[in-house]
Amino acid sequence: MYSLTQARLQELFSYNPVTGELTRKVSRSSNAKAGSVAGAFDSDGYVRIFIDGHRYGAHSLAWMWCHGEWPTKQIDHINGIPHDNRISNLRDVSIEHNQQNKHRAQANNKSSGLRGVALRVNTGKWQASIVVNRKKKHLGLYLTPEDAHVAYLAAKRVLHPGCPVQLSADVLAPKEQA
């Protein structure tokens, strides 16, 4: 599937594992000069780079540059920031594991903006839920979206092993379950 080799990648780019940036070694055009940081952001915040007529994610290129092979699964940005391509922030994980590491709520979650939390319009309460093995698990109803989110994060720590999303220091246990 991929024709780009580590040797070709390293011929064209330098990689800084501390910043996660790929820098051009060779000028390819007036917009892509040697010494410039390569890539452009896509609509989802990932850095994309064109090489020899093909478009690649900078995160996959960083993986290839460091490990000498393409990822076998999906590259997950541990901290959830899609343009943070430091090698220490990247890991090759299953699709399911990558989905478990989402930090933000889905775009269609307009009621709370918090992952795992939605307003139950019929009750006016906040429902916490989590997906485990492709099945939605109900975690309870809460008076505030923040309390529901704490319940979601607590369940996530137990039910999604290896997921780095943790409770932040300023979040306390749910105050009152509805």
N, C-alpha and C. Protein backbone atom coordinates (compact mmCIF):
# COMPACT_ATOMS: atom_id res chain seq x y z
N MET A 1 0.83 -1.19 0.00
CA MET A 1 0.00 0.00 0.00
C MET A 1 0.87 1.25 0.00
N TYR A 2 1.86 1.32 0.87
CA TYR A 2 2.74 2.47 0.95
C TYR A 2 4.01 2.18 0.17
N SER A 3 4.38 3.09 -0.70
CA SER A 3 5.61 2.91 -1.46
C SER A 3 6.75 3.71 -0.85
N LEU A 4 6.43 4.65 0.03
CA LEU A 4 7.45 5.47 0.66
C LEU A 4 8.25 4.64 1.67
N THR A 5 9.56 4.72 1.57
CA THR A 5 10.42 3.99 2.50
C THR A 5 11.01 4.95 3.52
N GLN A 6 11.55 4.40 4.59
CA GLN A 6 12.21 5.21 5.59
C GLN A 6 13.42 5.94 4.98
N ALA A 7 14.15 5.25 4.11
CA ALA A 7 15.31 5.87 3.47
C ALA A 7 14.89 7.09 2.64
N ARG A 8 13.83 6.97 1.87
CA ARG A 8 13.34 8.10 1.06
C ARG A 8 12.85 9.22 1.96
N LEU A 9 12.12 8.89 3.00
CA LEU A 9 11.61 9.88 3.94
C LEU A 9 12.77 10.63 4.59
N GLN A 10 13.79 9.93 5.02
CA GLN A 10 14.94 10.56 5.69
C GLN A 10 15.82 11.32 4.70
N GLU A 11 15.72 10.98 3.43
CA GLU A 11 16.43 11.74 2.39
C GLU A 11 15.78 13.12 2.21
N LEU A 12 14.45 13.17 2.36
CA LEU A 12 13.70 14.40 2.11
C LEU A 12 13.49 15.27 3.35
N PHE A 13 13.47 14.65 4.54
CA PHE A 13 13.08 15.38 5.75
C PHE A 13 13.99 15.07 6.93
N SER A 14 14.11 16.04 7.80
CA SER A 14 14.65 15.82 9.14
C SER A 14 13.45 15.78 10.07
N TYR A 15 13.56 15.03 11.14
CA TYR A 15 12.46 14.94 12.11
C TYR A 15 13.00 15.31 13.48
N ASN A 16 12.30 16.19 14.17
CA ASN A 16 12.67 16.58 15.53
C ASN A 16 11.70 15.90 16.49
N PRO A 17 12.15 14.88 17.23
CA PRO A 17 11.23 14.15 18.12
C PRO A 17 10.74 14.99 19.30
N VAL A 18 11.41 16.08 19.61
CA VAL A 18 11.00 16.94 20.72
C VAL A 18 9.84 17.85 20.31
N THR A 19 9.89 18.37 19.07
CA THR A 19 8.81 19.25 18.60
C THR A 19 7.79 18.51 17.75
N GLY A 20 8.18 17.38 17.19
CA GLY A 20 7.30 16.62 16.31
C GLY A 20 7.24 17.16 14.90
N GLU A 21 8.13 18.08 14.54
CA GLU A 21 8.09 18.70 13.22
C GLU A 21 9.00 17.97 12.24
N LEU A 22 8.51 17.86 11.02
CA LEU A 22 9.31 17.38 9.90
C LEU A 22 9.76 18.61 9.13
N THR A 23 11.07 18.72 8.91
CA THR A 23 11.65 19.86 8.22
C THR A 23 12.22 19.40 6.89
N ARG A 24 11.97 20.17 5.86
CA ARG A 24 12.43 19.80 4.51
C ARG A 24 13.96 19.91 4.40
N LYS A 25 14.56 18.89 3.81
CA LYS A 25 15.99 18.92 3.50
C LYS A 25 16.21 19.40 2.06
N VAL A 26 15.17 19.25 1.23
CA VAL A 26 15.26 19.52 -0.20
C VAL A 26 14.15 20.49 -0.59
N SER A 27 14.49 21.48 -1.40
CA SER A 27 13.46 22.38 -1.93
C SER A 27 12.68 21.66 -3.02
N ARG A 28 11.35 21.69 -2.92
CA ARG A 28 10.50 21.04 -3.91
C ARG A 28 9.75 22.06 -4.77
N SER A 29 9.57 23.26 -4.22
CA SER A 29 8.89 24.33 -4.96
C SER A 29 9.17 25.64 -4.22
N SER A 30 8.61 26.73 -4.75
CA SER A 30 8.81 28.02 -4.07
C SER A 30 8.09 28.05 -2.72
N ASN A 31 7.09 27.21 -2.56
CA ASN A 31 6.36 27.12 -1.28
C ASN A 31 6.93 26.07 -0.35
N ALA A 32 7.78 25.20 -0.85
CA ALA A 32 8.32 24.09 -0.06
C ALA A 32 9.84 24.12 -0.16
N LYS A 33 10.44 25.03 0.58
CA LYS A 33 11.89 25.23 0.51
C LYS A 33 12.61 24.44 1.58
N ALA A 34 13.85 24.08 1.28
CA ALA A 34 14.70 23.39 2.25
C ALA A 34 14.79 24.24 3.52
N GLY A 35 14.68 23.59 4.67
CA GLY A 35 14.74 24.27 5.96
C GLY A 35 13.38 24.68 6.51
N SER A 36 12.35 24.59 5.67
CA SER A 36 11.01 24.97 6.16
C SER A 36 10.31 23.76 6.79
N VAL A 37 9.44 24.06 7.74
CA VAL A 37 8.64 23.01 8.36
C VAL A 37 7.61 22.56 7.33
N ALA A 38 7.52 21.25 7.16
CA ALA A 38 6.64 20.69 6.13
C ALA A 38 5.21 20.52 6.62
N GLY A 39 4.29 20.61 5.69
CA GLY A 39 2.92 20.26 5.98
C GLY A 39 1.96 21.41 6.11
N ALA A 40 0.69 21.05 6.08
CA ALA A 40 -0.41 22.00 6.27
C ALA A 40 -1.50 21.29 7.06
N PHE A 41 -2.25 22.08 7.80
CA PHE A 41 -3.34 21.53 8.60
C PHE A 41 -4.52 21.16 7.71
N ASP A 42 -5.15 20.01 8.01
CA ASP A 42 -6.40 19.68 7.34
C ASP A 42 -7.55 20.19 8.21
N SER A 43 -8.77 19.96 7.80
CA SER A 43 -9.93 20.49 8.52
C SER A 43 -10.10 19.89 9.91
N ASP A 44 -9.47 18.75 10.18
CA ASP A 44 -9.56 18.12 11.50
C ASP A 44 -8.38 18.45 12.40
N GLY A 45 -7.45 19.27 11.93
CA GLY A 45 -6.32 19.68 12.74
C GLY A 45 -5.08 18.81 12.61
N TYR A 46 -5.12 17.83 11.73
CA TYR A 46 -3.95 16.98 11.48
C TYR A 46 -3.04 17.66 10.47
N VAL A 47 -1.73 17.42 10.58
CA VAL A 47 -0.78 17.94 9.61
C VAL A 47 -0.66 16.92 8.49
N ARG A 48 -0.82 17.38 7.25
CA ARG A 48 -0.72 16.52 6.07
C ARG A 48 0.45 17.01 5.21
N ILE A 49 1.16 16.06 4.62
CA ILE A 49 2.34 16.38 3.81
C ILE A 49 2.27 15.61 2.50
N PHE A 50 2.52 16.31 1.39
CA PHE A 50 2.59 15.65 0.09
C PHE A 50 4.03 15.24 -0.19
N ILE A 51 4.20 13.98 -0.56
CA ILE A 51 5.52 13.45 -0.92
C ILE A 51 5.34 12.61 -2.19
N ASP A 52 6.08 12.98 -3.20
CA ASP A 52 6.07 12.22 -4.46
C ASP A 52 4.64 11.95 -4.96
N GLY A 53 3.79 12.96 -4.85
CA GLY A 53 2.43 12.85 -5.38
C GLY A 53 1.42 12.19 -4.46
N HIS A 54 1.84 11.81 -3.26
CA HIS A 54 0.92 11.17 -2.31
C HIS A 54 0.81 12.02 -1.05
N ARG A 55 -0.37 12.02 -0.45
CA ARG A 55 -0.62 12.78 0.77
C ARG A 55 -0.53 11.85 1.96
N TYR A 56 0.26 12.26 2.96
CA TYR A 56 0.46 11.45 4.16
C TYR A 56 0.17 12.28 5.41
N GLY A 57 -0.26 11.61 6.46
CA GLY A 57 -0.38 12.25 7.75
C GLY A 57 1.02 12.37 8.37
N ALA A 58 1.34 13.54 8.91
CA ALA A 58 2.66 13.75 9.51
C ALA A 58 2.88 12.79 10.68
N HIS A 59 1.81 12.40 11.36
CA HIS A 59 1.95 11.46 12.48
C HIS A 59 2.43 10.10 11.98
N SER A 60 1.93 9.65 10.84
CA SER A 60 2.39 8.38 10.26
C SER A 60 3.82 8.49 9.75
N LEU A 61 4.15 9.65 9.19
CA LEU A 61 5.53 9.86 8.73
C LEU A 61 6.50 9.89 9.90
N ALA A 62 6.11 10.51 11.00
CA ALA A 62 6.98 10.54 12.19
C ALA A 62 7.21 9.11 12.69
N TRP A 63 6.15 8.32 12.68
CA TRP A 63 6.27 6.92 13.10
C TRP A 63 7.25 6.18 12.20
N MET A 64 7.08 6.32 10.88
CA MET A 64 7.95 5.67 9.91
C MET A 64 9.40 6.16 10.07
N TRP A 65 9.57 7.46 10.26
CA TRP A 65 10.91 8.03 10.39
C TRP A 65 11.64 7.42 11.58
N CYS A 66 10.92 7.25 12.70
CA CYS A 66 11.55 6.74 13.93
C CYS A 66 11.63 5.21 13.98
N HIS A 67 10.61 4.52 13.51
CA HIS A 67 10.53 3.07 13.69
C HIS A 67 10.90 2.26 12.44
N GLY A 68 11.01 2.93 11.29
CA GLY A 68 11.42 2.24 10.08
C GLY A 68 10.34 1.42 9.40
N GLU A 69 9.10 1.56 9.87
CA GLU A 69 7.99 0.83 9.26
C GLU A 69 6.71 1.62 9.45
N TRP A 70 5.74 1.33 8.59
CA TRP A 70 4.44 1.98 8.71
C TRP A 70 3.72 1.41 9.92
N PRO A 71 2.88 2.19 10.53
CA PRO A 71 2.07 1.67 11.64
C PRO A 71 1.22 0.50 11.15
N THR A 72 1.04 -0.49 12.00
CA THR A 72 0.23 -1.65 11.60
C THR A 72 -1.25 -1.42 11.85
N LYS A 73 -1.59 -0.46 12.72
CA LYS A 73 -2.99 -0.19 13.06
C LYS A 73 -3.29 1.28 12.79
N GLN A 74 -3.57 2.04 13.85
CA GLN A 74 -3.82 3.47 13.73
C GLN A 74 -2.89 4.21 14.67
N ILE A 75 -2.42 5.38 14.23
CA ILE A 75 -1.61 6.20 15.12
C ILE A 75 -2.55 7.03 15.99
N ASP A 76 -2.37 6.90 17.28
CA ASP A 76 -3.16 7.62 18.27
C ASP A 76 -2.30 8.73 18.85
N HIS A 77 -2.86 9.92 18.92
CA HIS A 77 -2.21 11.03 19.62
C HIS A 77 -2.65 10.93 21.08
N ILE A 78 -1.74 10.54 21.94
CA ILE A 78 -2.07 10.25 23.33
C ILE A 78 -2.76 11.42 24.01
N ASN A 79 -2.28 12.63 23.77
CA ASN A 79 -2.87 13.80 24.44
C ASN A 79 -4.09 14.35 23.70
N GLY A 80 -4.47 13.74 22.60
CA GLY A 80 -5.68 14.15 21.87
C GLY A 80 -5.49 15.35 20.97
N ILE A 81 -4.27 15.86 20.84
CA ILE A 81 -4.01 17.03 19.99
C ILE A 81 -3.50 16.51 18.65
N PRO A 82 -4.30 16.65 17.58
CA PRO A 82 -3.97 15.99 16.32
C PRO A 82 -2.72 16.51 15.60
N HIS A 83 -2.22 17.67 15.97
CA HIS A 83 -1.01 18.18 15.32
C HIS A 83 0.23 18.03 16.20
N ASP A 84 0.09 17.39 17.36
CA ASP A 84 1.23 17.14 18.25
C ASP A 84 1.88 15.82 17.86
N ASN A 85 2.86 15.90 16.98
CA ASN A 85 3.46 14.70 16.40
C ASN A 85 4.80 14.33 17.03
N ARG A 86 4.98 14.70 18.30
CA ARG A 86 6.17 14.24 19.02
C ARG A 86 6.06 12.72 19.15
N ILE A 87 7.16 12.02 18.93
CA ILE A 87 7.11 10.55 18.94
C ILE A 87 6.64 10.03 20.30
N SER A 88 6.93 10.75 21.38
CA SER A 88 6.47 10.32 22.71
C SER A 88 4.95 10.45 22.85
N ASN A 89 4.30 11.17 21.95
CA ASN A 89 2.85 11.36 22.00
C ASN A 89 2.11 10.44 21.03
N LEU A 90 2.85 9.61 20.31
CA LEU A 90 2.24 8.74 19.29
C LEU A 90 2.34 7.28 19.70
N ARG A 91 1.28 6.53 19.39
CA ARG A 91 1.31 5.08 19.61
C ARG A 91 0.45 4.41 18.56
N ASP A 92 0.83 3.19 18.22
CA ASP A 92 0.15 2.40 17.20
C ASP A 92 -0.86 1.50 17.92
N VAL A 93 -2.15 1.80 17.76
CA VAL A 93 -3.19 1.09 18.51
C VAL A 93 -4.32 0.66 17.58
N SER A 94 -5.19 -0.20 18.10
CA SER A 94 -6.37 -0.63 17.35
C SER A 94 -7.33 0.54 17.15
N ILE A 95 -8.23 0.40 16.19
CA ILE A 95 -9.25 1.42 15.95
C ILE A 95 -10.07 1.66 17.21
N GLU A 96 -10.46 0.56 17.87
CA GLU A 96 -11.27 0.68 19.09
C GLU A 96 -10.52 1.45 20.17
N HIS A 97 -9.25 1.13 20.37
CA HIS A 97 -8.46 1.82 21.39
C HIS A 97 -8.31 3.30 21.03
N ASN A 98 -8.11 3.59 19.76
CA ASN A 98 -7.99 4.98 19.32
C ASN A 98 -9.29 5.74 19.59
N GLN A 99 -10.43 5.11 19.34
CA GLN A 99 -11.72 5.75 19.60
C GLN A 99 -11.93 6.02 21.08
N GLN A 100 -11.41 5.14 21.93
CA GLN A 100 -11.54 5.32 23.37
C GLN A 100 -10.76 6.52 23.88
N ASN A 101 -9.78 6.96 23.10
CA ASN A 101 -8.92 8.06 23.54
C ASN A 101 -9.40 9.42 23.04
N LYS A 102 -10.60 9.51 22.55
CA LYS A 102 -11.11 10.82 22.14
C LYS A 102 -11.31 11.68 23.37
N HIS A 103 -10.85 12.91 23.28
CA HIS A 103 -10.91 13.82 24.42
C HIS A 103 -12.12 14.74 24.35
N ARG A 104 -12.62 14.99 23.16
CA ARG A 104 -13.73 15.93 23.01
C ARG A 104 -15.01 15.19 22.67
N ALA A 105 -16.10 15.86 22.97
CA ALA A 105 -17.41 15.31 22.61
C ALA A 105 -17.58 15.33 21.10
N GLN A 106 -18.45 14.49 20.60
CA GLN A 106 -18.74 14.50 19.17
C GLN A 106 -19.36 15.83 18.79
N ALA A 107 -19.18 16.21 17.54
CA ALA A 107 -19.67 17.50 17.07
C ALA A 107 -21.18 17.61 17.21
N ASN A 108 -21.90 16.47 17.15
CA ASN A 108 -23.36 16.53 17.24
C ASN A 108 -23.85 16.60 18.69
N ASN A 109 -22.93 16.56 19.68
CA ASN A 109 -23.32 16.67 21.08
C ASN A 109 -23.40 18.16 21.44
N LYS A 110 -24.51 18.76 21.11
CA LYS A 110 -24.67 20.19 21.35
C LYS A 110 -25.26 20.50 22.72
N SER A 111 -25.74 19.48 23.42
CA SER A 111 -26.39 19.74 24.70
C SER A 111 -25.39 20.06 25.80
N SER A 112 -24.26 19.33 25.86
CA SER A 112 -23.32 19.59 26.95
C SER A 112 -21.92 19.95 26.47
N GLY A 113 -21.53 19.44 25.31
CA GLY A 113 -20.17 19.65 24.83
C GLY A 113 -19.16 18.79 25.57
N LEU A 114 -19.62 17.91 26.45
CA LEU A 114 -18.73 17.04 27.22
C LEU A 114 -18.86 15.61 26.72
N ARG A 115 -17.75 14.95 26.59
CA ARG A 115 -17.75 13.57 26.12
C ARG A 115 -18.46 12.68 27.13
N GLY A 116 -19.38 11.84 26.64
CA GLY A 116 -20.09 10.90 27.49
C GLY A 116 -21.29 11.48 28.22
N VAL A 117 -21.66 12.72 27.88
CA VAL A 117 -22.75 13.40 28.59
C VAL A 117 -23.75 13.98 27.59
N ALA A 118 -25.03 13.74 27.87
CA ALA A 118 -26.09 14.31 27.03
C ALA A 118 -27.28 14.66 27.91
N LEU A 119 -27.99 15.68 27.50
CA LEU A 119 -29.20 16.09 28.22
C LEU A 119 -30.35 15.18 27.85
N ARG A 120 -31.02 14.64 28.86
CA ARG A 120 -32.26 13.89 28.64
C ARG A 120 -33.39 14.91 28.71
N VAL A 121 -33.90 15.29 27.56
CA VAL A 121 -34.88 16.37 27.49
C VAL A 121 -36.13 16.04 28.29
N ASN A 122 -36.56 14.78 28.26
CA ASN A 122 -37.80 14.41 28.96
C ASN A 122 -37.69 14.54 30.48
N THR A 123 -36.49 14.47 31.03
CA THR A 123 -36.32 14.58 32.49
C THR A 123 -35.61 15.86 32.90
N GLY A 124 -34.90 16.49 31.96
CA GLY A 124 -34.11 17.68 32.29
C GLY A 124 -32.83 17.33 33.04
N LYS A 125 -32.49 16.06 33.07
CA LYS A 125 -31.29 15.62 33.78
C LYS A 125 -30.21 15.23 32.76
N TRP A 126 -28.99 15.10 33.27
CA TRP A 126 -27.83 14.81 32.43
C TRP A 126 -27.47 13.34 32.53
N GLN A 127 -27.46 12.68 31.38
CA GLN A 127 -27.15 11.25 31.34
C GLN A 127 -25.68 11.04 31.02
N ALA A 128 -25.05 10.18 31.80
CA ALA A 128 -23.68 9.76 31.51
C ALA A 128 -23.75 8.36 30.91
N SER A 129 -22.99 8.14 29.83
CA SER A 129 -22.93 6.82 29.22
C SER A 129 -21.56 6.64 28.57
N ILE A 130 -21.22 5.37 28.35
CA ILE A 130 -19.93 5.03 27.76
C ILE A 130 -20.12 3.83 26.86
N VAL A 131 -19.30 3.72 25.83
CA VAL A 131 -19.38 2.58 24.92
C VAL A 131 -18.28 1.58 25.30
N VAL A 132 -18.69 0.34 25.52
CA VAL A 132 -17.76 -0.74 25.84
C VAL A 132 -18.08 -1.91 24.93
N ASN A 133 -17.09 -2.40 24.22
CA ASN A 133 -17.29 -3.50 23.26
C ASN A 133 -18.44 -3.21 22.31
N ARG A 134 -18.48 -1.98 21.83
CA ARG A 134 -19.48 -1.50 20.86
C ARG A 134 -20.90 -1.46 21.40
N LYS A 135 -21.05 -1.51 22.71
CA LYS A 135 -22.38 -1.42 23.33
C LYS A 135 -22.39 -0.24 24.30
N LYS A 136 -23.47 0.53 24.23
CA LYS A 136 -23.60 1.69 25.11
C LYS A 136 -24.01 1.24 26.50
N LYS A 137 -23.29 1.73 27.51
CA LYS A 137 -23.56 1.40 28.90
C LYS A 137 -24.04 2.67 29.61
N HIS A 138 -25.22 2.60 30.20
CA HIS A 138 -25.80 3.73 30.93
C HIS A 138 -25.12 3.85 32.29
N LEU A 139 -24.66 5.05 32.65
CA LEU A 139 -23.95 5.28 33.91
C LEU A 139 -24.76 6.07 34.94
N GLY A 140 -25.93 6.52 34.56
CA GLY A 140 -26.77 7.23 35.52
C GLY A 140 -27.19 8.60 35.03
N LEU A 141 -28.13 9.19 35.79
CA LEU A 141 -28.62 10.54 35.51
C LEU A 141 -28.12 11.46 36.62
N TYR A 142 -27.75 12.68 36.25
CA TYR A 142 -27.14 13.62 37.19
C TYR A 142 -27.79 14.99 37.05
N LEU A 143 -27.65 15.79 38.10
CA LEU A 143 -28.25 17.12 38.11
C LEU A 143 -27.48 18.11 37.25
N THR A 144 -26.17 17.93 37.12
CA THR A 144 -25.37 18.85 36.33
C THR A 144 -24.56 18.08 35.28
N PRO A 145 -24.20 18.74 34.18
CA PRO A 145 -23.38 18.06 33.17
C PRO A 145 -21.99 17.73 33.72
N GLU A 146 -21.48 18.55 34.61
CA GLU A 146 -20.16 18.30 35.19
C GLU A 146 -20.15 17.02 36.02
N ASP A 147 -21.19 16.80 36.80
CA ASP A 147 -21.27 15.57 37.60
C ASP A 147 -21.38 14.34 36.70
N ALA A 148 -22.15 14.45 35.62
CA ALA A 148 -22.27 13.34 34.69
C ALA A 148 -20.92 13.06 34.02
N HIS A 149 -20.19 14.10 33.72
CA HIS A 149 -18.89 13.94 33.08
C HIS A 149 -17.88 13.27 34.03
N VAL A 150 -17.93 13.61 35.31
CA VAL A 150 -17.07 12.96 36.30
C VAL A 150 -17.37 11.46 36.34
N ALA A 151 -18.65 11.10 36.30
CA ALA A 151 -19.03 9.68 36.30
C ALA A 151 -18.51 8.99 35.03
N TYR A 152 -18.61 9.68 33.90
CA TYR A 152 -18.09 9.14 32.64
C TYR A 152 -16.58 8.90 32.75
N LEU A 153 -15.84 9.89 33.23
CA LEU A 153 -14.38 9.76 33.33
C LEU A 153 -13.98 8.65 34.30
N ALA A 154 -14.70 8.52 35.40
CA ALA A 154 -14.40 7.46 36.36
C ALA A 154 -14.61 6.09 35.72
N ALA A 155 -15.70 5.93 34.97
CA ALA A 155 -15.97 4.66 34.28
C ALA A 155 -14.93 4.42 33.19
N LYS A 156 -14.52 5.47 32.53
CA LYS A 156 -13.53 5.35 31.45
C LYS A 156 -12.21 4.81 31.98
N ARG A 157 -11.81 5.28 33.15
CA ARG A 157 -10.55 4.80 33.75
C ARG A 157 -10.59 3.30 33.99
N VAL A 158 -11.77 2.77 34.31
CA VAL A 158 -11.91 1.34 34.60
C VAL A 158 -12.19 0.53 33.34
N LEU A 159 -13.05 1.03 32.47
CA LEU A 159 -13.55 0.24 31.34
C LEU A 159 -12.73 0.38 30.05
N HIS A 160 -11.90 1.39 29.96
CA HIS A 160 -11.04 1.59 28.80
C HIS A 160 -9.59 1.53 29.25
N PRO A 161 -9.07 0.34 29.52
CA PRO A 161 -7.70 0.21 30.02
C PRO A 161 -6.68 0.77 29.03
N GLY A 162 -5.70 1.45 29.56
CA GLY A 162 -4.66 2.02 28.71
C GLY A 162 -5.01 3.38 28.15
N CYS A 163 -6.22 3.86 28.40
CA CYS A 163 -6.61 5.17 27.90
C CYS A 163 -6.06 6.24 28.81
N PRO A 164 -5.34 7.23 28.26
CA PRO A 164 -4.72 8.24 29.11
C PRO A 164 -5.66 9.33 29.60
N VAL A 165 -6.91 9.36 29.15
CA VAL A 165 -7.84 10.38 29.61
C VAL A 165 -8.11 10.12 31.09
N GLN A 166 -7.77 11.06 31.91
CA GLN A 166 -7.91 10.90 33.36
C GLN A 166 -8.72 12.05 33.93
N LEU A 167 -9.10 11.91 35.17
CA LEU A 167 -9.76 13.00 35.87
C LEU A 167 -8.77 14.13 36.05
N SER A 168 -9.18 15.35 35.78
CA SER A 168 -8.30 16.48 36.02
C SER A 168 -8.29 16.78 37.51
N ALA A 169 -7.27 17.45 37.97
CA ALA A 169 -7.09 17.71 39.40
C ALA A 169 -8.22 18.55 39.99
N ASP A 170 -8.85 19.38 39.17
CA ASP A 170 -9.89 20.26 39.70
C ASP A 170 -11.28 19.63 39.68
N VAL A 171 -11.40 18.40 39.21
CA VAL A 171 -12.70 17.73 39.15
C VAL A 171 -12.85 16.81 40.36
N LEU A 172 -13.93 16.95 41.06
CA LEU A 172 -14.19 16.14 42.24
C LEU A 172 -15.20 15.05 41.91
N ALA A 173 -15.43 14.15 42.83
CA ALA A 173 -16.43 13.09 42.65
C ALA A 173 -17.80 13.73 42.49
N PRO A 174 -18.72 13.02 41.83
CA PRO A 174 -20.07 13.58 41.65
C PRO A 174 -20.69 13.94 42.99
N LYS A 175 -21.30 15.12 43.02
CA LYS A 175 -21.88 15.61 44.28
C LYS A 175 -23.19 14.92 44.60
N GLU A 176 -24.02 14.79 43.58
CA GLU A 176 -25.36 14.28 43.86
C GLU A 176 -25.91 13.61 42.63
N GLN A 177 -26.23 12.36 42.75
CA GLN A 177 -26.82 11.65 41.61
C GLN A 177 -28.32 11.88 41.68
N ALA A 178 -28.90 12.10 40.51
CA ALA A 178 -30.34 12.37 40.46
C ALA A 178 -31.13 11.09 40.62
